[in-house]
Protein backbone atom coordinates (compact mmCIF):
# COMPACT_ATOMS: atom_id res chain seq x y z
CA MET A 1 107.99 44.32 283.01
CA GLU A 2 105.14 41.84 283.39
CA GLY A 3 104.57 41.80 279.60
CA ILE A 4 108.20 41.01 279.01
CA VAL A 5 108.11 38.17 281.47
CA TRP A 6 105.08 36.60 279.90
CA GLN A 7 106.53 37.06 276.39
CA ASN A 8 109.64 35.11 277.34
CA LEU A 9 107.85 32.23 279.10
CA PRO A 10 107.99 28.82 277.27
CA GLU A 11 104.71 27.97 275.53
CA ASP A 12 104.29 24.69 277.48
CA LEU A 13 104.55 26.63 280.80
CA ILE A 14 101.96 29.16 279.57
CA GLU A 15 99.77 26.27 278.59
CA LYS A 16 99.95 24.70 282.05
CA VAL A 17 99.15 28.00 283.74
CA LEU A 18 96.09 28.73 281.56
CA ALA A 19 94.82 25.22 282.09
CA THR A 20 94.54 25.88 285.86
CA LEU A 21 92.18 28.87 285.34
CA PRO A 22 88.40 28.55 285.70
CA VAL A 23 86.80 27.57 282.30
CA SER A 24 84.66 30.73 282.48
CA THR A 25 87.74 32.98 282.22
CA LEU A 26 89.23 31.33 279.10
CA PRO A 27 87.09 33.31 276.56
CA LYS A 28 88.71 36.53 278.09
CA MET A 29 92.15 34.96 277.85
CA ARG A 30 91.60 34.39 274.11
CA ALA A 31 91.36 38.18 273.72
CA VAL A 32 94.91 38.74 275.07
CA CYS A 33 96.60 37.83 271.78
CA LYS A 34 96.27 35.62 268.71
CA ALA A 35 98.80 33.13 270.04
CA TRP A 36 96.79 32.55 273.25
CA SER A 37 93.55 32.37 271.25
CA SER A 38 95.03 29.60 269.02
CA LEU A 39 96.47 27.81 272.00
CA ILE A 40 93.18 27.74 273.96
CA LEU A 41 91.23 26.45 270.95
CA SER A 42 93.77 23.65 270.23
CA GLN A 43 92.79 20.11 270.97
CA PRO A 44 95.89 19.38 273.16
CA PHE A 45 95.01 22.28 275.37
CA ILE A 46 91.38 21.17 275.73
CA GLU A 47 92.66 17.69 276.68
CA LEU A 48 95.01 19.26 279.24
CA CYS A 49 92.19 21.17 280.80
CA ALA A 50 90.16 18.04 281.15
CA ARG A 51 93.03 16.31 282.98
CA THR A 52 93.87 19.36 285.12
CA CYS A 53 90.41 20.59 286.08
CA GLY A 54 88.74 17.25 286.20
CA ARG A 55 84.96 16.85 285.57
CA GLN A 56 82.87 19.99 285.97
CA ASP A 57 79.11 19.26 285.99
CA HIS A 58 76.82 21.89 284.59
CA LEU A 59 73.07 22.17 284.32
CA LEU A 60 72.15 23.79 281.06
CA CYS A 61 69.07 26.00 280.57
CA PHE A 62 68.18 27.02 276.98
CA THR A 63 65.57 29.72 276.44
CA THR A 64 64.08 31.39 273.42
CA VAL A 65 62.09 34.55 273.64
CA GLY A 66 61.08 36.01 270.30
CA THR A 67 64.31 36.08 268.28
CA LYS A 68 66.56 36.19 271.41
CA CYS A 69 68.21 32.88 272.39
CA THR A 70 70.07 32.50 275.67
CA LEU A 71 72.17 29.65 277.06
CA ALA A 72 72.64 29.61 280.84
CA ALA A 73 74.92 27.13 282.55
CA PHE A 74 74.74 26.45 286.30
CA ASN A 75 78.07 25.37 287.73
CA LEU A 76 77.49 22.88 290.49
CA ALA A 77 80.93 23.35 291.91
CA SER A 78 80.92 27.16 292.14
CA ASN A 79 77.13 27.40 292.70
CA ASN A 80 76.53 30.23 290.16
CA TRP A 81 75.01 30.81 286.74
CA GLN A 82 76.87 31.89 283.66
CA SER A 83 74.87 32.97 280.54
CA SER A 84 75.58 33.96 277.03
CA SER A 85 73.39 35.03 274.04
CA LEU A 86 73.31 32.67 271.07
CA ASN A 87 73.31 34.40 267.67
CA PHE A 88 74.35 32.15 264.78
CA ARG A 89 76.28 34.24 262.18
CA GLY A 90 74.34 37.40 263.08
CA SER A 91 71.02 35.83 262.10
CA LYS A 92 67.94 37.47 263.62
CA ARG A 93 65.96 34.17 263.40
CA PRO A 94 65.80 32.08 266.64
CA VAL A 95 67.52 28.73 266.92
CA PHE A 96 65.97 25.83 268.88
CA PHE A 97 67.50 23.31 271.15
CA VAL A 98 67.61 19.74 269.77
CA ALA A 99 70.12 17.76 271.87
CA ALA A 100 73.28 18.01 273.96
CA GLY A 101 76.21 15.75 274.54
CA ALA A 102 80.01 15.39 274.24
CA GLY A 103 80.41 19.05 275.22
CA LEU A 104 78.34 20.16 272.27
CA ILE A 105 74.82 21.57 271.70
CA LEU A 106 72.85 20.70 268.56
CA LEU A 107 70.55 23.43 267.40
CA ASN A 108 68.01 23.78 264.58
CA ASP A 109 66.59 26.77 262.66
CA ARG A 110 63.06 25.59 262.18
CA CYS A 111 62.05 28.88 260.46
CA VAL A 112 63.99 27.86 257.43
CA ASP A 113 64.26 24.14 257.10
CA VAL A 114 64.26 21.25 259.51
CA SER A 115 67.35 19.91 257.85
CA THR A 116 69.38 22.98 258.77
CA TYR A 117 71.43 22.13 261.94
CA CYS A 118 74.32 23.82 263.70
CA LEU A 119 76.54 22.86 266.60
CA TYR A 120 77.60 25.21 269.35
CA ASN A 121 80.59 24.55 271.70
CA PRO A 122 79.93 26.53 274.93
CA PHE A 123 83.59 26.08 275.94
CA THR A 124 85.19 27.69 272.92
CA ARG A 125 82.01 29.59 271.83
CA VAL A 126 82.46 28.30 268.30
CA TRP A 127 79.59 27.67 265.88
CA THR A 128 79.75 24.94 263.30
CA GLU A 129 77.19 24.83 260.52
CA LEU A 130 76.39 21.28 259.43
CA PRO A 131 75.73 20.38 255.76
CA PRO A 132 72.07 20.03 254.98
CA ILE A 133 70.37 16.59 254.96
CA PRO A 134 69.59 16.15 251.24
CA GLN A 135 66.85 13.55 251.78
CA ALA A 136 65.08 15.75 254.33
CA LYS A 137 64.99 18.96 252.24
CA GLY A 138 61.78 20.93 252.57
CA HIS A 139 60.25 19.13 255.59
CA SER A 140 59.29 21.18 258.67
CA GLY A 141 58.92 20.41 262.33
CA PRO A 142 61.45 19.27 265.05
CA PRO A 143 62.97 15.87 265.02
CA LEU A 144 61.12 13.26 267.08
CA VAL A 145 64.33 11.92 268.68
CA ALA A 146 67.93 13.17 268.60
CA GLY A 147 71.22 12.39 270.29
CA ILE A 148 74.91 13.05 270.22
CA PHE A 149 77.43 10.15 270.51
CA GLU A 150 81.02 10.79 271.51
CA ARG A 151 83.75 8.75 269.77
CA ARG A 152 86.72 9.02 272.10
CA ASP A 153 88.74 6.45 270.19
CA THR A 154 88.79 8.63 267.08
CA LYS A 155 88.22 11.93 268.91
CA SER A 156 85.08 12.52 266.86
CA TYR A 157 81.32 12.47 267.32
CA SER A 158 78.18 11.29 265.59
CA LEU A 159 74.73 12.93 265.52
CA VAL A 160 71.47 11.02 265.20
CA VAL A 161 68.21 12.72 264.25
CA THR A 162 65.07 10.77 263.53
CA GLY A 163 62.07 11.96 261.59
CA SER A 164 59.69 14.84 262.50
CA ASN A 165 56.11 15.41 262.83
CA GLY A 166 56.09 16.56 259.19
CA TYR A 167 57.79 13.55 257.71
CA CYS A 168 55.83 10.86 255.93
CA ARG A 169 58.58 8.33 256.85
CA LYS A 170 60.27 8.27 260.19
CA SER A 171 63.75 8.06 258.60
CA THR A 172 66.95 8.18 260.71
CA TYR A 173 69.88 10.29 259.69
CA VAL A 174 73.41 9.92 261.16
CA PHE A 175 76.04 12.56 260.80
CA HIS A 176 79.74 11.59 261.09
CA SER A 177 82.10 14.41 262.11
CA LEU A 178 85.14 12.77 260.49
CA THR A 179 83.60 12.65 257.00
CA ARG A 180 81.14 15.57 257.60
CA THR A 181 78.48 13.62 255.80
CA TRP A 182 74.88 12.42 256.64
CA GLN A 183 73.93 8.78 256.20
CA VAL A 184 70.44 7.33 256.04
CA SER A 185 69.93 4.61 258.58
CA GLY A 186 67.09 2.45 259.94
CA SER A 187 63.59 3.85 260.05
CA LEU A 188 61.87 4.46 263.38
CA PRO A 189 59.36 1.69 264.17
CA GLN A 190 55.73 2.41 264.04
CA ILE A 191 54.54 4.10 267.27
CA ARG A 192 51.40 5.70 268.67
CA GLY A 193 51.52 8.81 270.90
CA ASP A 194 54.50 10.96 271.89
CA LEU A 195 58.08 10.04 272.48
CA THR A 196 60.30 11.33 275.35
CA ASP A 197 63.50 13.13 274.68
CA GLY A 198 66.32 10.90 273.49
CA ILE A 199 68.98 9.72 276.03
CA VAL A 200 72.32 8.46 274.87
CA SER A 201 73.83 5.63 276.87
CA GLY A 202 76.88 3.82 275.56
CA SER A 203 76.23 2.96 271.92
CA TYR A 204 72.44 3.40 272.20
CA LEU A 205 69.95 6.26 271.85
CA HIS A 206 66.87 5.45 273.94
CA ALA A 207 63.38 6.96 273.97
CA LEU A 208 60.08 5.92 275.57
CA ALA A 209 56.71 5.68 273.75
CA SER A 210 54.53 6.44 276.77
CA LEU A 211 51.16 5.58 275.21
CA THR A 212 52.09 2.07 274.11
CA LYS A 213 54.61 1.46 276.92
CA GLU A 214 57.51 0.64 274.57
CA LEU A 215 61.20 1.35 274.77
CA LEU A 216 62.79 2.30 271.43
CA SER A 217 66.60 2.01 271.19
CA PHE A 218 68.79 2.98 268.28
CA ASP A 219 72.02 0.98 267.95
CA ILE A 220 74.64 3.40 266.55
CA LYS A 221 76.96 0.49 265.67
CA GLN A 222 74.39 -1.58 263.79
CA GLY A 223 72.28 1.35 262.50
CA ILE A 224 68.98 -0.28 263.50
CA TRP A 225 66.12 0.42 265.89
CA ILE A 226 65.06 -2.12 268.51
CA LYS A 227 61.56 -1.97 270.01
CA ARG A 228 60.71 -3.60 273.43
CA ARG A 229 57.49 -3.57 275.29
CA ILE A 230 58.18 -2.85 279.01
CA SER A 231 56.21 -2.54 282.22
CA PHE A 232 56.21 0.92 283.76
CA PRO A 233 56.34 1.25 287.56
CA PRO A 234 53.02 1.39 289.41
CA HIS A 235 51.35 4.79 289.65
CA ALA A 236 53.67 6.23 286.94
CA SER A 237 52.04 9.22 285.25
CA TYR A 238 52.46 10.97 281.88
CA PRO A 239 54.71 12.31 280.62
CA PHE A 240 57.51 9.81 281.16
CA ASP A 241 61.12 10.62 280.95
CA CYS A 242 64.16 8.38 280.68
CA GLY A 243 67.69 8.96 281.83
CA GLU A 244 70.94 7.06 282.33
């Protein structure tokens, strides 16, 4: 009887009911039938969930032990952890965390090529392999700075990765999701010492060069880097981190 009732419900009503469920239960709901799976992965449903559930802050913890990669998310509202194994297309090679933003996680397979990147959506559990960066073919090592920009006006995103410890030039590469292409942008200014992890704020990607006390900011609109010398707070110690 219950199956007949659900089968005869209008799709917009089913959509509203599913949107009220906890996000952690949606992967299970996808297994009910193909129609529900397509509905849950659709952009209108994702937007409805955002309006219905509001903002749900999570603390992400990414770990790699041998070839096993695990993503754990701590839900600040429900006060519990949810974890899942990350296995890109059945590969036994580990993937490494690069950056997170706009509800996406950027990962890199360093064992093959630094230019091999993939995106993981923890909400839909969908992997997206990005096209390789032609100019960066053959270089090894993680990017020095990386960030994900959300483009709400076009419902798209842009990725920025800059150089690596193995690059002769600190080139900056920008990936646009609408065109699915990489674009070479401004080179990272000359620096000494290490950089902090990149932090995206508005249309800028920021990182601190702790040794020289400089703030490096990449303008995604202009495609250029800006370097400023700043004064750190008294008694600040290494390493430095920056946040919005």
